[in-house]
Protein backbone atom coordinates (compact mmCIF):
# COMPACT_ATOMS: atom_id res chain seq x y z
CA MET A 1 24.27 -4.38 97.37
CA LYS A 2 27.75 -5.04 100.07
CA ALA A 3 24.99 -5.80 102.96
CA ILE A 4 24.01 -8.66 100.83
CA TYR A 5 27.62 -9.55 99.52
CA ILE A 6 28.59 -10.28 102.88
CA THR A 7 25.46 -11.90 104.33
CA LEU A 8 25.94 -14.46 101.41
CA VAL A 9 29.72 -14.88 102.01
CA LEU A 10 29.03 -15.58 105.80
CA ALA A 11 26.70 -18.24 105.07
CA LEU A 12 28.53 -20.55 103.17
CA THR A 13 30.99 -20.02 105.65
CA PHE A 14 29.33 -21.32 108.83
CA ALA A 15 27.22 -23.99 106.09
CA SER A 16 30.84 -25.27 105.33
CA CYS A 17 31.43 -26.09 108.47
CA SER A 18 28.75 -27.49 109.56
CA GLU A 19 28.44 -31.20 109.92
CA SER A 20 27.67 -33.95 107.25
CA VAL A 21 24.53 -35.38 107.17
CA LEU A 22 25.81 -38.40 107.54
CA SER A 23 26.25 -37.89 111.00
CA ASP A 24 23.10 -38.50 111.32
CA VAL A 25 23.05 -42.13 109.95
CA GLU A 26 24.62 -45.72 110.69
CA ILE A 27 27.54 -45.77 107.45
CA THR A 28 27.31 -48.70 105.53
CA ASP A 29 29.46 -48.13 102.98
CA PRO A 30 33.02 -46.86 104.10
CA HIS A 31 33.99 -45.41 100.40
CA LEU A 32 31.46 -42.41 101.49
CA LEU A 33 33.98 -41.61 103.97
CA GLU A 34 37.93 -39.43 103.33
CA VAL A 35 39.76 -40.02 106.37
CA LYS A 36 42.75 -37.69 106.93
CA VAL A 37 45.32 -38.34 110.50
CA LYS A 38 47.65 -35.01 111.33
CA ILE A 39 50.57 -35.97 114.05
CA GLU A 40 51.37 -32.49 115.63
CA GLN A 41 53.73 -30.84 117.98
CA ASN A 42 53.84 -27.49 118.39
CA SER A 43 56.56 -25.13 120.50
CA HIS A 44 55.55 -26.03 123.97
CA ASN A 45 55.86 -29.95 122.94
CA ASP A 46 52.11 -30.33 123.29
CA LYS A 47 50.82 -33.09 120.89
CA GLU A 48 48.25 -34.68 119.16
CA VAL A 49 46.89 -37.45 116.75
CA GLN A 50 44.32 -35.92 115.29
CA VAL A 51 41.94 -38.68 112.87
CA PHE A 52 39.53 -36.78 110.29
CA ILE A 53 36.89 -38.49 109.03
CA ARG A 54 34.66 -35.84 106.01
CA ASP A 55 32.34 -36.41 103.67
CA THR A 56 33.12 -36.10 99.45
CA ASN A 57 32.07 -32.53 100.68
CA SER A 58 34.63 -32.18 103.30
CA ARG A 59 32.11 -32.32 105.80
CA PRO A 60 33.09 -33.78 109.25
CA ILE A 61 31.04 -36.74 110.54
CA ASP A 62 30.54 -37.52 113.64
CA LEU A 63 30.30 -41.21 113.82
CA LEU A 64 26.96 -41.87 114.55
CA THR A 65 27.21 -46.12 116.08
CA GLY A 66 30.97 -45.73 115.27
CA LYS A 67 34.27 -44.65 117.04
CA VAL A 68 36.96 -44.21 116.48
CA ILE A 69 39.57 -46.28 118.64
CA ILE A 70 43.66 -45.00 118.89
CA ASN A 71 46.50 -47.07 121.42
CA ASP A 72 43.32 -49.21 123.03
CA HIS A 73 41.75 -45.76 123.69
CA ILE A 74 38.30 -44.21 122.66
CA VAL A 75 38.70 -41.06 121.37
CA LEU A 76 36.42 -38.40 121.29
CA PHE A 77 35.15 -36.06 118.21
CA ASP A 78 36.21 -32.84 120.21
CA ARG A 79 38.54 -29.97 118.36
CA ALA A 80 42.05 -30.02 117.50
CA SER A 81 43.82 -27.70 119.52
CA VAL A 82 47.90 -28.28 118.67
CA ASN A 83 48.23 -26.46 114.84
CA ALA A 84 44.85 -27.25 113.31
CA ALA A 85 43.05 -23.74 113.89
CA GLY A 86 39.87 -25.71 115.87
CA ALA A 87 39.20 -28.44 113.34
CA ARG A 88 36.71 -30.99 114.22
CA GLY A 89 37.37 -34.60 114.39
CA TYR A 90 39.16 -37.67 117.03
CA ILE A 91 41.75 -35.76 119.01
CA TYR A 92 43.75 -37.95 120.92
CA THR A 93 46.51 -36.69 123.56
CA PRO A 94 49.31 -39.06 123.29
CA HIS A 95 51.44 -40.19 126.27
CA ASN A 96 55.28 -38.94 125.95
CA ASP A 97 56.85 -41.79 125.35
CA GLU A 98 54.28 -42.84 122.66
CA GLN A 99 55.77 -43.29 118.74
CA ILE A 100 53.47 -45.71 117.26
CA PHE A 101 50.05 -45.34 116.88
CA GLU A 102 46.81 -48.17 116.47
CA ILE A 103 44.03 -46.37 115.19
CA THR A 104 40.99 -48.67 114.81
CA ILE A 105 38.37 -46.64 113.11
CA TYR A 106 34.59 -48.00 113.32
CA TRP A 107 32.36 -46.99 111.07
CA ASN A 108 29.57 -48.60 112.42
CA SER A 109 29.34 -50.95 115.83
CA VAL A 110 30.67 -53.97 113.94
CA ASP A 111 32.45 -52.82 110.56
CA TYR A 112 36.35 -51.51 110.74
CA HIS A 113 39.59 -51.09 109.71
CA THR A 114 43.01 -50.22 111.12
CA VAL A 115 46.33 -48.95 110.47
CA LEU A 116 49.84 -48.96 112.21
CA LEU A 117 51.65 -45.32 112.61
CA SER A 118 55.19 -46.88 112.46
CA PRO A 119 58.28 -45.82 110.71
CA ALA A 120 58.04 -48.94 108.86
CA ASN A 121 55.18 -46.94 106.72
CA GLY A 122 56.72 -43.54 106.72
CA TRP A 123 55.35 -41.93 110.51
CA PRO A 124 58.86 -41.05 111.89
CA GLY A 125 58.21 -40.62 115.28
CA PHE A 126 58.77 -37.58 117.79
CA TYR A 127 61.92 -36.45 117.82
CA CYS A 128 63.14 -37.34 121.53
CA ASN A 129 65.72 -34.82 122.53
CA HIS A 130 63.36 -31.53 123.45
CA SER A 131 65.72 -29.37 124.66
CA HIS A 132 64.76 -26.74 122.02
CA ALA A 133 60.76 -26.97 122.68
CA HIS A 134 60.29 -23.82 124.46
CA ASP A 135 62.27 -21.89 121.87
CA ASP A 136 60.50 -20.03 119.69
CA HIS A 137 63.16 -20.26 116.70
CA ALA A 138 62.41 -24.69 117.12
CA HIS A 139 62.76 -26.19 114.11
CA PHE A 140 60.07 -28.30 112.57
CA ALA A 141 59.70 -31.51 110.31
CA SER A 142 56.66 -31.63 108.47
CA ASP A 143 55.56 -34.59 105.69
CA ASN A 144 52.65 -35.95 104.22
CA TYR A 145 51.51 -38.70 102.15
CA SER A 146 49.03 -41.60 101.73
CA LEU A 147 48.79 -45.29 103.07
CA LYS A 148 46.72 -47.68 100.22
CA GLY A 149 44.03 -50.10 100.96
CA ALA A 150 41.79 -48.64 102.27
CA PRO A 151 38.50 -49.30 102.22
CA PHE A 152 37.91 -45.23 102.26
CA HIS A 153 37.12 -43.26 99.24
CA ASP A 154 39.73 -43.60 96.35
CA HIS A 155 41.33 -46.84 99.18
CA GLU A 156 43.28 -44.27 101.24
CA ILE A 157 44.40 -42.62 104.44
CA ASP A 158 45.85 -39.22 104.09
CA ILE A 159 48.49 -39.10 106.52
CA SER A 160 50.12 -35.50 107.72
CA TYR A 161 52.69 -34.58 110.18
CA THR A 162 54.63 -31.58 111.46
CA ILE A 163 57.04 -32.11 114.23
CA LEU A 164 59.73 -30.68 116.36
CA SER A 165 62.91 -31.51 114.71
CA ASP A 166 66.37 -32.17 115.74
CA TRP A 167 67.93 -29.15 112.97
């Protein structure tokens, strides 16, 4: 009985990590997509902008005919490496001086939505003095919020960040 239980748990775990069936079709209805943007920084000052596009069952979507562009760079569907436990999404490594992020999501080859992450809408930017960046006791600031008016599920994009702090 224990073996059956373990097999069932493993099967459910791997099934929940599999890509969405929406990865195999051209998406015409953006309302089928849940979009989350995470901006992460670790104590080694590694930074990533992670755009996670999921179906409504939280399965990752690798856009068949779409793409994600961040600050004029087409980003690849990959595994996040900074504070995200390898979650799959569209991953961008910002340059040291980048503080504002223009993110454009094409859910097919024609239709898109652009959002600008800046201090005007909740993203504070990275703290510039990272003298404590390699300190194991570095302090972090975290927050999450939603940007409304997007064509995606619930008409929003969820934003969260965990970045080095100045306190």
